[in-house]
N, C-alpha and C. Protein backbone atom coordinates (compact mmCIF):
# COMPACT_ATOMS: atom_id res chain seq x y z
N MET A 1 0.84 -1.19 0.00
CA MET A 1 0.00 0.00 0.00
C MET A 1 0.87 1.24 0.00
N ALA A 2 0.49 2.20 -0.80
CA ALA A 2 1.24 3.45 -0.84
C ALA A 2 0.31 4.59 -1.24
N VAL A 3 0.64 5.76 -0.78
CA VAL A 3 -0.04 6.97 -1.24
C VAL A 3 0.74 7.45 -2.45
N PHE A 4 0.04 7.62 -3.54
CA PHE A 4 0.69 8.06 -4.76
C PHE A 4 0.85 9.57 -4.77
N TYR A 5 1.91 10.05 -5.41
CA TYR A 5 2.07 11.48 -5.61
C TYR A 5 2.51 11.75 -7.03
N LYS A 6 2.30 12.98 -7.44
CA LYS A 6 2.69 13.42 -8.77
C LYS A 6 3.63 14.60 -8.62
N LYS A 7 4.72 14.61 -9.36
CA LYS A 7 5.65 15.72 -9.32
C LYS A 7 5.09 16.88 -10.14
N TYR A 8 5.34 18.09 -9.67
CA TYR A 8 4.98 19.27 -10.44
C TYR A 8 6.03 20.34 -10.22
N GLN A 9 6.18 21.18 -11.21
CA GLN A 9 7.20 22.23 -11.17
C GLN A 9 6.54 23.57 -10.87
N ASP A 10 7.15 24.35 -9.99
CA ASP A 10 6.67 25.69 -9.69
C ASP A 10 7.03 26.60 -10.86
N ASN A 11 6.02 27.04 -11.58
CA ASN A 11 6.25 27.90 -12.75
C ASN A 11 5.82 29.34 -12.53
N ARG A 12 5.53 29.70 -11.28
CA ARG A 12 5.10 31.08 -10.99
C ARG A 12 6.29 32.02 -11.11
N ASN A 13 6.15 33.06 -11.92
CA ASN A 13 7.23 34.02 -12.13
C ASN A 13 7.63 34.73 -10.84
N SER A 14 6.67 34.94 -9.95
CA SER A 14 6.94 35.68 -8.72
C SER A 14 7.52 34.79 -7.60
N SER A 15 7.65 33.51 -7.85
CA SER A 15 8.09 32.59 -6.81
C SER A 15 9.61 32.54 -6.68
N ALA A 16 10.07 32.53 -5.44
CA ALA A 16 11.50 32.36 -5.18
C ALA A 16 11.95 30.95 -5.54
N ASN A 17 11.00 30.04 -5.65
CA ASN A 17 11.31 28.64 -5.97
C ASN A 17 10.91 28.27 -7.39
N LYS A 18 10.82 29.26 -8.28
CA LYS A 18 10.46 28.98 -9.67
C LYS A 18 11.44 27.96 -10.25
N GLY A 19 10.86 26.96 -10.92
CA GLY A 19 11.68 25.90 -11.51
C GLY A 19 11.91 24.72 -10.59
N LYS A 20 11.61 24.87 -9.29
CA LYS A 20 11.79 23.77 -8.33
C LYS A 20 10.63 22.79 -8.46
N TRP A 21 10.89 21.59 -7.98
CA TRP A 21 9.90 20.52 -8.09
C TRP A 21 9.33 20.15 -6.74
N TYR A 22 8.04 19.85 -6.73
CA TYR A 22 7.29 19.46 -5.54
C TYR A 22 6.47 18.21 -5.86
N ALA A 23 5.69 17.78 -4.88
CA ALA A 23 4.79 16.65 -5.12
C ALA A 23 3.41 16.98 -4.59
N ARG A 24 2.41 16.41 -5.24
CA ARG A 24 1.03 16.46 -4.78
C ARG A 24 0.51 15.04 -4.69
N ALA A 25 -0.26 14.77 -3.64
CA ALA A 25 -0.88 13.46 -3.50
C ALA A 25 -1.89 13.27 -4.62
N VAL A 26 -1.95 12.07 -5.15
CA VAL A 26 -2.90 11.71 -6.20
C VAL A 26 -3.85 10.68 -5.62
N HIS A 27 -5.12 10.87 -5.87
CA HIS A 27 -6.13 9.95 -5.35
C HIS A 27 -6.74 9.20 -6.51
N THR A 28 -6.58 7.90 -6.48
CA THR A 28 -6.95 7.07 -7.63
C THR A 28 -8.38 6.60 -7.61
N GLN A 29 -9.05 6.76 -6.48
CA GLN A 29 -10.41 6.25 -6.36
C GLN A 29 -11.10 6.96 -5.22
N THR A 30 -12.42 7.10 -5.31
CA THR A 30 -13.22 7.60 -4.20
C THR A 30 -14.05 6.45 -3.67
N VAL A 31 -14.01 6.27 -2.37
CA VAL A 31 -14.75 5.21 -1.72
C VAL A 31 -15.82 5.87 -0.87
N ASP A 32 -17.11 5.52 -1.06
CA ASP A 32 -18.16 6.14 -0.27
C ASP A 32 -18.62 5.22 0.85
N ILE A 33 -19.55 5.69 1.64
CA ILE A 33 -19.96 4.94 2.83
C ILE A 33 -20.55 3.58 2.47
N ASP A 34 -21.22 3.48 1.34
CA ASP A 34 -21.78 2.19 0.92
C ASP A 34 -20.67 1.19 0.59
N ASP A 35 -19.62 1.66 -0.07
CA ASP A 35 -18.48 0.79 -0.36
C ASP A 35 -17.81 0.33 0.94
N LEU A 36 -17.63 1.27 1.87
CA LEU A 36 -17.02 0.91 3.16
C LEU A 36 -17.90 -0.09 3.90
N ALA A 37 -19.22 0.13 3.87
CA ALA A 37 -20.13 -0.78 4.56
C ALA A 37 -20.03 -2.20 4.00
N GLU A 38 -19.92 -2.31 2.68
CA GLU A 38 -19.77 -3.64 2.06
C GLU A 38 -18.51 -4.33 2.58
N GLU A 39 -17.41 -3.60 2.67
CA GLU A 39 -16.18 -4.19 3.19
C GLU A 39 -16.30 -4.52 4.67
N MET A 40 -16.89 -3.60 5.42
CA MET A 40 -16.97 -3.77 6.86
C MET A 40 -17.90 -4.90 7.28
N GLN A 41 -18.95 -5.15 6.51
CA GLN A 41 -19.88 -6.21 6.92
C GLN A 41 -19.21 -7.57 6.98
N ALA A 42 -18.17 -7.76 6.23
CA ALA A 42 -17.44 -9.02 6.27
C ALA A 42 -16.56 -9.12 7.53
N ASN A 43 -16.31 -7.97 8.18
CA ASN A 43 -15.40 -7.95 9.33
C ASN A 43 -16.09 -7.75 10.68
N CYS A 44 -17.36 -7.38 10.71
CA CYS A 44 -18.02 -7.18 12.00
C CYS A 44 -19.50 -7.54 11.95
N THR A 45 -20.12 -7.58 13.11
CA THR A 45 -21.53 -7.98 13.20
C THR A 45 -22.46 -6.78 13.40
N VAL A 46 -24.17 -6.32 14.86
CA VAL A 46 -24.69 -4.94 15.27
C VAL A 46 -25.51 -4.95 16.56
N LYS A 47 -26.16 -3.56 18.61
CA LYS A 47 -26.17 -3.23 19.97
C LYS A 47 -25.04 -2.26 20.22
N ARG A 48 -24.92 -1.73 21.33
CA ARG A 48 -23.90 -0.73 21.64
C ARG A 48 -22.50 -1.25 21.31
N ALA A 49 -22.21 -2.45 21.76
CA ALA A 49 -20.90 -3.04 21.52
C ALA A 49 -20.65 -3.22 20.02
N ASP A 50 -21.72 -3.55 19.29
CA ASP A 50 -21.59 -3.72 17.84
C ASP A 50 -21.30 -2.39 17.16
N ILE A 51 -21.95 -1.32 17.62
CA ILE A 51 -21.71 0.00 17.04
C ILE A 51 -20.25 0.41 17.27
N VAL A 52 -19.76 0.17 18.47
CA VAL A 52 -18.34 0.48 18.76
C VAL A 52 -17.45 -0.34 17.84
N ALA A 53 -17.81 -1.60 17.66
CA ALA A 53 -17.03 -2.45 16.77
C ALA A 53 -17.05 -1.93 15.34
N VAL A 54 -18.22 -1.49 14.88
CA VAL A 54 -18.35 -0.95 13.52
C VAL A 54 -17.54 0.33 13.37
N LEU A 55 -17.63 1.22 14.35
CA LEU A 55 -16.86 2.47 14.25
C LEU A 55 -15.36 2.21 14.30
N SER A 56 -14.95 1.26 15.12
CA SER A 56 -13.53 0.89 15.16
C SER A 56 -13.09 0.33 13.82
N GLU A 57 -13.93 -0.48 13.24
CA GLU A 57 -13.62 -1.05 11.92
C GLU A 57 -13.60 0.04 10.86
N LEU A 58 -14.50 1.03 10.99
CA LEU A 58 -14.52 2.15 10.05
C LEU A 58 -13.18 2.87 10.04
N VAL A 59 -12.64 3.12 11.22
CA VAL A 59 -11.34 3.81 11.31
C VAL A 59 -10.26 2.99 10.61
N GLU A 60 -10.22 1.70 10.88
CA GLU A 60 -9.19 0.86 10.26
C GLU A 60 -9.37 0.77 8.75
N THR A 61 -10.62 0.65 8.31
CA THR A 61 -10.90 0.56 6.87
C THR A 61 -10.55 1.87 6.17
N MET A 62 -10.91 3.00 6.80
CA MET A 62 -10.55 4.30 6.22
C MET A 62 -9.04 4.44 6.12
N GLN A 63 -8.33 4.02 7.17
CA GLN A 63 -6.87 4.10 7.15
C GLN A 63 -6.29 3.32 5.98
N GLN A 64 -6.79 2.11 5.74
CA GLN A 64 -6.30 1.30 4.63
C GLN A 64 -6.54 2.00 3.30
N HIS A 65 -7.74 2.52 3.08
CA HIS A 65 -8.04 3.17 1.81
C HIS A 65 -7.25 4.47 1.63
N LEU A 66 -7.14 5.26 2.69
CA LEU A 66 -6.36 6.49 2.59
C LEU A 66 -4.91 6.18 2.23
N GLN A 67 -4.36 5.11 2.82
CA GLN A 67 -2.97 4.76 2.56
C GLN A 67 -2.79 4.02 1.23
N MET A 68 -3.89 3.76 0.52
CA MET A 68 -3.82 3.23 -0.84
C MET A 68 -4.09 4.36 -1.84
N SER A 69 -4.00 5.61 -1.35
CA SER A 69 -4.20 6.80 -2.18
C SER A 69 -5.64 6.96 -2.64
N HIS A 70 -6.60 6.43 -1.86
CA HIS A 70 -8.01 6.62 -2.15
C HIS A 70 -8.55 7.81 -1.36
N ARG A 71 -9.56 8.45 -1.89
CA ARG A 71 -10.33 9.48 -1.20
C ARG A 71 -11.53 8.76 -0.59
N VAL A 72 -11.82 9.00 0.70
CA VAL A 72 -12.92 8.32 1.38
C VAL A 72 -14.03 9.33 1.63
N LYS A 73 -15.19 9.07 1.05
CA LYS A 73 -16.35 9.95 1.20
C LYS A 73 -17.38 9.28 2.11
N LEU A 74 -17.75 9.98 3.18
CA LEU A 74 -18.81 9.54 4.06
C LEU A 74 -20.02 10.41 3.75
N ASN A 75 -21.00 9.83 3.08
CA ASN A 75 -22.18 10.59 2.65
C ASN A 75 -22.77 11.36 3.83
N ARG A 76 -23.18 12.58 3.58
CA ARG A 76 -23.77 13.49 4.56
C ARG A 76 -22.77 13.99 5.60
N LEU A 77 -21.51 13.61 5.49
CA LEU A 77 -20.48 14.09 6.40
C LEU A 77 -19.40 14.84 5.63
N GLY A 78 -18.74 14.18 4.70
CA GLY A 78 -17.69 14.81 3.93
C GLY A 78 -16.70 13.79 3.42
N ALA A 79 -15.57 14.28 2.93
CA ALA A 79 -14.57 13.41 2.32
C ALA A 79 -13.21 13.63 3.00
N PHE A 80 -12.47 12.53 3.11
CA PHE A 80 -11.14 12.53 3.70
C PHE A 80 -10.15 12.10 2.62
N LYS A 81 -8.96 12.69 2.65
CA LYS A 81 -7.89 12.24 1.77
C LYS A 81 -6.56 12.62 2.41
N ILE A 82 -5.48 12.03 1.91
CA ILE A 82 -4.15 12.34 2.43
C ILE A 82 -3.51 13.39 1.54
N GLY A 83 -2.90 14.36 2.18
CA GLY A 83 -2.11 15.37 1.49
C GLY A 83 -0.68 15.25 1.96
N MET A 84 0.21 16.01 1.36
CA MET A 84 1.61 15.95 1.79
C MET A 84 2.27 17.31 1.67
N SER A 85 3.27 17.52 2.51
CA SER A 85 4.13 18.69 2.45
C SER A 85 5.47 18.22 1.92
N THR A 86 6.00 18.97 0.96
CA THR A 86 7.27 18.56 0.35
C THR A 86 8.26 19.70 0.30
N LYS A 87 9.53 19.34 0.19
CA LYS A 87 10.60 20.31 -0.05
C LYS A 87 10.89 20.29 -1.55
N PRO A 88 11.32 21.41 -2.09
CA PRO A 88 11.58 21.45 -3.54
C PRO A 88 12.85 20.69 -3.91
N ALA A 89 12.87 20.26 -5.17
CA ALA A 89 14.07 19.65 -5.76
C ALA A 89 14.42 20.48 -6.99
N ASP A 90 15.67 20.52 -7.34
CA ASP A 90 16.10 21.32 -8.49
C ASP A 90 15.59 20.77 -9.81
N THR A 91 15.45 19.47 -9.89
CA THR A 91 14.95 18.84 -11.13
C THR A 91 13.96 17.75 -10.75
N ALA A 92 13.16 17.31 -11.72
CA ALA A 92 12.21 16.22 -11.49
C ALA A 92 12.96 14.95 -11.10
N ASP A 93 14.06 14.68 -11.75
CA ASP A 93 14.84 13.48 -11.45
C ASP A 93 15.44 13.51 -10.04
N ALA A 94 15.72 14.73 -9.53
CA ALA A 94 16.31 14.86 -8.20
C ALA A 94 15.26 14.72 -7.10
N PHE A 95 13.97 14.79 -7.45
CA PHE A 95 12.91 14.68 -6.45
C PHE A 95 12.72 13.21 -6.08
N ASN A 96 12.75 12.92 -4.78
CA ASN A 96 12.43 11.57 -4.31
C ASN A 96 11.73 11.68 -2.96
N ALA A 97 10.94 10.66 -2.65
CA ALA A 97 10.12 10.69 -1.45
C ALA A 97 10.96 10.81 -0.18
N LYS A 98 12.07 10.08 -0.11
CA LYS A 98 12.88 10.07 1.12
C LYS A 98 13.42 11.45 1.47
N ASP A 99 13.91 12.17 0.46
CA ASP A 99 14.53 13.47 0.73
C ASP A 99 13.57 14.65 0.65
N ASN A 100 12.49 14.53 -0.13
CA ASN A 100 11.66 15.70 -0.40
C ASN A 100 10.28 15.70 0.25
N VAL A 101 9.77 14.55 0.63
CA VAL A 101 8.47 14.52 1.31
C VAL A 101 8.73 14.75 2.80
N LYS A 102 8.23 15.91 3.30
CA LYS A 102 8.45 16.26 4.71
C LYS A 102 7.44 15.59 5.61
N SER A 103 6.18 15.55 5.18
CA SER A 103 5.14 14.96 6.03
C SER A 103 3.89 14.66 5.20
N VAL A 104 3.06 13.80 5.74
CA VAL A 104 1.74 13.55 5.17
C VAL A 104 0.71 13.95 6.22
N HIS A 105 -0.47 14.33 5.76
CA HIS A 105 -1.51 14.77 6.68
C HIS A 105 -2.88 14.43 6.10
N ILE A 106 -3.90 14.50 6.95
CA ILE A 106 -5.27 14.22 6.53
C ILE A 106 -5.95 15.53 6.17
N LEU A 107 -6.62 15.53 5.04
CA LEU A 107 -7.44 16.66 4.61
C LEU A 107 -8.90 16.24 4.69
N PHE A 108 -9.73 17.08 5.26
CA PHE A 108 -11.16 16.80 5.37
C PHE A 108 -11.92 17.92 4.69
N GLN A 109 -12.84 17.56 3.81
CA GLN A 109 -13.70 18.53 3.16
C GLN A 109 -15.14 18.19 3.53
N PRO A 110 -15.75 19.02 4.38
CA PRO A 110 -17.11 18.71 4.78
C PRO A 110 -18.07 18.79 3.60
N GLU A 111 -19.11 17.94 3.64
CA GLU A 111 -20.14 18.00 2.61
C GLU A 111 -20.86 19.34 2.76
N THR A 112 -21.21 19.94 1.64
CA THR A 112 -21.86 21.24 1.66
C THR A 112 -23.27 21.11 1.13
N LYS A 113 -24.21 21.69 1.87
CA LYS A 113 -25.61 21.70 1.48
C LYS A 113 -25.98 23.12 1.09
N ILE A 114 -26.67 23.28 -0.05
CA ILE A 114 -27.10 24.61 -0.48
C ILE A 114 -28.54 24.82 -0.03
N GLU A 115 -28.75 25.84 0.79
CA GLU A 115 -30.07 26.14 1.33
C GLU A 115 -30.95 26.83 0.28
N LYS A 116 -32.24 27.00 0.59
CA LYS A 116 -33.18 27.65 -0.33
C LYS A 116 -32.76 29.07 -0.67
N ASP A 117 -32.12 29.77 0.28
CA ASP A 117 -31.67 31.15 0.03
C ASP A 117 -30.30 31.21 -0.63
N LYS A 118 -29.84 30.07 -1.16
CA LYS A 118 -28.57 29.93 -1.89
C LYS A 118 -27.33 29.99 -1.00
N THR A 119 -27.50 30.03 0.32
CA THR A 119 -26.33 29.99 1.20
C THR A 119 -25.84 28.56 1.30
N ARG A 120 -24.55 28.42 1.56
CA ARG A 120 -23.95 27.10 1.69
C ARG A 120 -23.71 26.81 3.17
N VAL A 121 -24.10 25.60 3.57
CA VAL A 121 -23.89 25.17 4.95
C VAL A 121 -23.12 23.86 4.91
N ARG A 122 -22.01 23.82 5.62
CA ARG A 122 -21.18 22.61 5.65
C ARG A 122 -21.73 21.62 6.66
N ALA A 123 -21.53 20.34 6.36
CA ALA A 123 -21.97 19.27 7.27
C ALA A 123 -21.44 19.54 8.67
N LEU A 124 -22.21 19.21 9.64
CA LEU A 124 -21.92 19.36 11.05
C LEU A 124 -22.06 20.80 11.54
N LEU A 125 -22.30 21.76 10.64
CA LEU A 125 -22.44 23.15 11.05
C LEU A 125 -23.87 23.66 10.93
N THR A 126 -24.80 22.83 10.45
CA THR A 126 -26.19 23.23 10.34
C THR A 126 -26.71 23.61 11.72
N GLY A 127 -27.28 24.79 11.80
CA GLY A 127 -27.84 25.25 13.07
C GLY A 127 -26.81 25.74 14.07
N CYS A 128 -25.59 25.87 13.67
CA CYS A 128 -24.53 26.32 14.57
C CYS A 128 -24.77 27.78 14.97
N LYS A 129 -24.67 28.05 16.22
CA LYS A 129 -24.84 29.41 16.75
C LYS A 129 -23.53 29.85 17.38
N VAL A 130 -23.32 31.16 17.38
CA VAL A 130 -22.11 31.70 18.01
C VAL A 130 -22.49 32.80 18.98
N GLN A 131 -21.68 32.94 20.03
CA GLN A 131 -21.91 33.96 21.04
C GLN A 131 -20.59 34.30 21.68
N GLU A 132 -20.40 35.58 21.97
CA GLU A 132 -19.19 35.98 22.68
C GLU A 132 -19.28 35.51 24.12
N LEU A 133 -18.22 34.98 24.64
CA LEU A 133 -18.17 34.51 26.01
C LEU A 133 -18.17 35.71 26.95
N PRO A 134 -19.14 35.78 27.83
CA PRO A 134 -19.15 36.90 28.79
C PRO A 134 -17.92 36.86 29.68
N LYS A 135 -17.48 38.02 30.13
CA LYS A 135 -16.32 38.09 31.02
C LYS A 135 -16.62 37.32 32.31
N ASN A 136 -15.62 36.64 32.84
CA ASN A 136 -15.72 35.87 34.09
C ASN A 136 -16.75 34.75 34.01
N ALA A 137 -16.95 34.19 32.82
CA ALA A 137 -17.95 33.13 32.67
C ALA A 137 -17.32 31.76 32.49
N VAL A 138 -16.10 31.60 32.92
CA VAL A 138 -15.41 30.33 32.76
C VAL A 138 -16.20 29.25 33.49
N GLY A 139 -16.60 28.24 32.78
CA GLY A 139 -17.35 27.14 33.36
C GLY A 139 -18.84 27.42 33.47
N ALA A 140 -19.29 28.62 33.08
CA ALA A 140 -20.71 28.96 33.18
C ALA A 140 -21.44 28.51 31.94
N ASP A 141 -22.74 28.28 32.06
CA ASP A 141 -23.59 27.93 30.93
C ASP A 141 -23.86 29.22 30.16
N THR A 142 -23.51 29.27 28.88
CA THR A 142 -23.62 30.50 28.11
C THR A 142 -24.56 30.36 26.92
N ASP A 143 -25.63 29.59 27.07
CA ASP A 143 -26.56 29.34 25.95
C ASP A 143 -27.68 30.37 25.88
N ASP A 144 -27.68 31.42 26.70
CA ASP A 144 -28.79 32.34 26.78
C ASP A 144 -29.05 33.14 25.51
N GLU A 145 -28.05 33.84 24.98
CA GLU A 145 -28.25 34.70 23.81
C GLU A 145 -27.34 34.26 22.67
N GLU A 146 -27.83 33.39 21.83
CA GLU A 146 -27.03 32.90 20.73
C GLU A 146 -27.34 33.71 19.49
N GLU A 147 -26.33 33.90 18.66
CA GLU A 147 -26.49 34.59 17.38
C GLU A 147 -26.17 33.62 16.28
N GLY A 148 -26.86 33.71 15.14
CA GLY A 148 -26.59 32.84 14.01
C GLY A 148 -25.27 33.16 13.35
N ALA A 149 -24.62 32.17 12.79
CA ALA A 149 -23.34 32.38 12.10
C ALA A 149 -23.57 32.55 10.63
């Protein structure tokens, strides 16, 4: 299993690293919740303990797909994929994973729902309210006056 990357050259005229080479993660497939469920059903059974087992299996299954350079989409939640930070190389041939890939990380893009008024709301943020914390309210319940975001 490997996360695939593609080399690209910085061609921006204003860049101090113009001509240097970097890498971008490439995702060869998108796996959605139905695909994951098909895989997971072979590995687990379902009560509270079963739900914990399923969620634990979800994490392991997502890890396997992410590390195979797949994008994992959980319907109504969003999509996960692996990204990477790289150091530049002077030429494409000089770029290699050992010397130029600094780190890999998880990128999450929440699913976006378009409301009737054409506003966009990201998954998990529907109905989210914000309020300034009153002074000296550490540990206090602050749900009294919420404002929409």
